[in-house]
Amino acid sequence: MTAIRWFLAIVLKMLNFLTLPKPVQRTEEEKKAISAALANHSLYHLPGCPFCLKVRRQTHRLQLPIEERDIKANQVFLDELVQGGGRRMVPCLRIDEPNGETRWMYESGDIIAYLQQRFEPTS
């Protein structure tokens, strides 16, 4: 079963590379504002997860420099996810609010909707 997952992850990565969506065009000022707005966001993911891939494709398309935290490569990230969010499920978007609270968003559709609503160019 592990070999099948490994093979599928490789195939997904190759397909993703070949079919990446075209990034939106942003000015330098927009890029700086978005980077500042995303300074308190982190995306917990697994490289071969198709739902994580779906979210990462949108971050690429929207040109969002979100910190990506691979829970397979770094045990600290996995521990943060489980202790903070309460579940070992990816993708998960961690949002550290200005008031000190932390919000954990788990569903890929919810994460994509949030990112599009907040960062999709208006024109």
Protein backbone atom coordinates (compact mmCIF):
# COMPACT_ATOMS: atom_id res chain seq x y z
CA MET A 1 0.00 0.00 0.00
CA THR A 2 2.87 2.38 0.78
CA ALA A 3 4.37 1.77 -2.67
CA ILE A 4 1.05 2.62 -4.32
CA ARG A 5 0.74 5.85 -2.35
CA TRP A 6 4.32 6.76 -3.18
CA PHE A 7 3.73 6.10 -6.90
CA LEU A 8 0.48 8.10 -6.92
CA ALA A 9 2.19 11.00 -5.16
CA ILE A 10 4.89 11.06 -7.86
CA VAL A 11 2.26 10.99 -10.62
CA LEU A 12 0.28 13.80 -8.95
CA LYS A 13 3.40 15.95 -8.60
CA MET A 14 4.27 15.44 -12.27
CA LEU A 15 0.75 16.25 -13.43
CA ASN A 16 0.67 19.28 -11.19
CA PHE A 17 3.95 20.54 -12.62
CA LEU A 18 2.71 20.09 -16.18
CA THR A 19 -0.66 21.77 -15.59
CA LEU A 20 0.07 24.60 -13.14
CA PRO A 21 -2.44 27.43 -13.49
CA LYS A 22 -1.24 30.75 -14.81
CA PRO A 23 -0.50 33.13 -11.91
CA VAL A 24 -2.40 36.40 -11.64
CA GLN A 25 -0.45 39.58 -12.34
CA ARG A 26 0.22 41.80 -9.33
CA THR A 27 2.10 45.04 -8.82
CA GLU A 28 5.01 45.21 -6.39
CA GLU A 29 2.83 47.19 -3.98
CA GLU A 30 0.15 44.50 -4.09
CA LYS A 31 2.76 41.80 -3.50
CA LYS A 32 4.12 43.63 -0.44
CA ALA A 33 0.62 44.14 0.99
CA ILE A 34 -0.25 40.46 0.46
CA SER A 35 3.01 39.31 2.04
CA ALA A 36 2.26 41.44 5.10
CA ALA A 37 -1.32 40.11 5.27
CA LEU A 38 -0.06 36.51 5.07
CA ALA A 39 2.70 36.88 7.65
CA ASN A 40 0.41 35.26 10.23
CA HIS A 41 -0.76 32.37 7.99
CA SER A 42 0.75 28.87 7.71
CA LEU A 43 -0.34 25.96 5.54
CA TYR A 44 0.17 22.50 7.05
CA HIS A 45 0.33 19.91 4.27
CA LEU A 46 1.66 16.65 2.89
CA PRO A 47 3.41 16.77 -0.50
CA GLY A 48 1.49 13.84 -2.03
CA CYS A 49 -1.96 14.71 -0.68
CA PRO A 50 -4.38 15.57 -3.52
CA PHE A 51 -6.39 17.96 -1.31
CA CYS A 52 -3.20 19.75 -0.28
CA LEU A 53 -2.18 19.93 -3.92
CA LYS A 54 -5.51 21.57 -4.73
CA VAL A 55 -4.84 24.30 -2.14
CA ARG A 56 -1.20 24.78 -3.20
CA ARG A 57 -2.34 25.22 -6.83
CA GLN A 58 -4.55 28.10 -5.72
CA THR A 59 -1.77 29.69 -3.68
CA HIS A 60 0.39 29.48 -6.81
CA ARG A 61 -2.34 30.96 -9.02
CA LEU A 62 -3.04 33.80 -6.58
CA GLN A 63 0.71 34.33 -5.96
CA LEU A 64 0.33 33.93 -2.20
CA PRO A 65 3.58 33.49 -0.27
CA ILE A 66 2.09 31.35 2.50
CA GLU A 67 4.55 29.50 4.70
CA GLU A 68 4.17 25.78 3.93
CA ARG A 69 4.74 23.31 6.76
CA ASP A 70 5.29 19.73 5.65
CA ILE A 71 4.09 17.52 8.52
CA LYS A 72 5.84 14.47 7.10
CA ALA A 73 9.26 16.11 6.89
CA ASN A 74 9.12 17.91 10.24
CA GLN A 75 7.77 16.33 13.43
CA VAL A 76 7.52 19.76 15.09
CA PHE A 77 4.96 20.83 12.48
CA LEU A 78 2.94 17.66 13.03
CA ASP A 79 2.97 18.23 16.79
CA GLU A 80 1.86 21.85 16.33
CA LEU A 81 -1.00 20.73 14.10
CA VAL A 82 -2.26 18.06 16.48
CA GLN A 83 -1.85 20.12 19.65
CA GLY A 84 -3.16 23.39 18.22
CA GLY A 85 -5.83 22.23 15.81
CA GLY A 86 -6.74 19.01 17.54
CA ARG A 87 -6.57 16.79 14.45
CA ARG A 88 -3.93 15.20 12.24
CA MET A 89 -5.63 16.24 9.04
CA VAL A 90 -4.26 18.19 6.10
CA PRO A 91 -4.51 20.59 4.46
CA CYS A 92 -4.89 22.94 7.38
CA LEU A 93 -4.53 26.70 7.26
CA ARG A 94 -3.41 28.23 10.53
CA ILE A 95 -4.38 31.87 10.94
CA ASP A 96 -2.93 33.75 13.91
CA GLU A 97 -5.42 36.56 14.52
CA PRO A 98 -4.26 40.02 15.69
CA ASN A 99 -6.16 39.54 18.96
CA GLY A 100 -3.91 36.57 19.84
CA GLU A 101 -6.36 33.81 18.93
CA THR A 102 -5.47 31.09 16.44
CA ARG A 103 -7.91 29.77 13.89
CA TRP A 104 -7.43 26.34 12.27
CA MET A 105 -9.16 25.83 8.90
CA TYR A 106 -9.16 22.20 7.74
CA GLU A 107 -11.25 21.68 4.60
CA SER A 108 -9.54 22.36 1.25
CA GLY A 109 -12.72 23.91 -0.15
CA ASP A 110 -13.02 26.25 2.83
CA ILE A 111 -9.35 27.22 2.60
CA ILE A 112 -9.62 27.96 -1.13
CA ALA A 113 -12.83 29.97 -0.64
CA TYR A 114 -11.17 32.00 2.14
CA LEU A 115 -8.07 32.71 0.03
CA GLN A 116 -10.11 33.65 -3.04
CA GLN A 117 -12.46 35.88 -1.07
CA ARG A 118 -9.56 37.63 0.63
CA PHE A 119 -6.90 37.76 -2.12
CA GLU A 120 -8.55 37.40 -5.55
CA PRO A 121 -7.79 40.48 -7.66
CA THR A 122 -10.85 42.65 -8.22
CA SER A 123 -10.03 43.62 -11.80
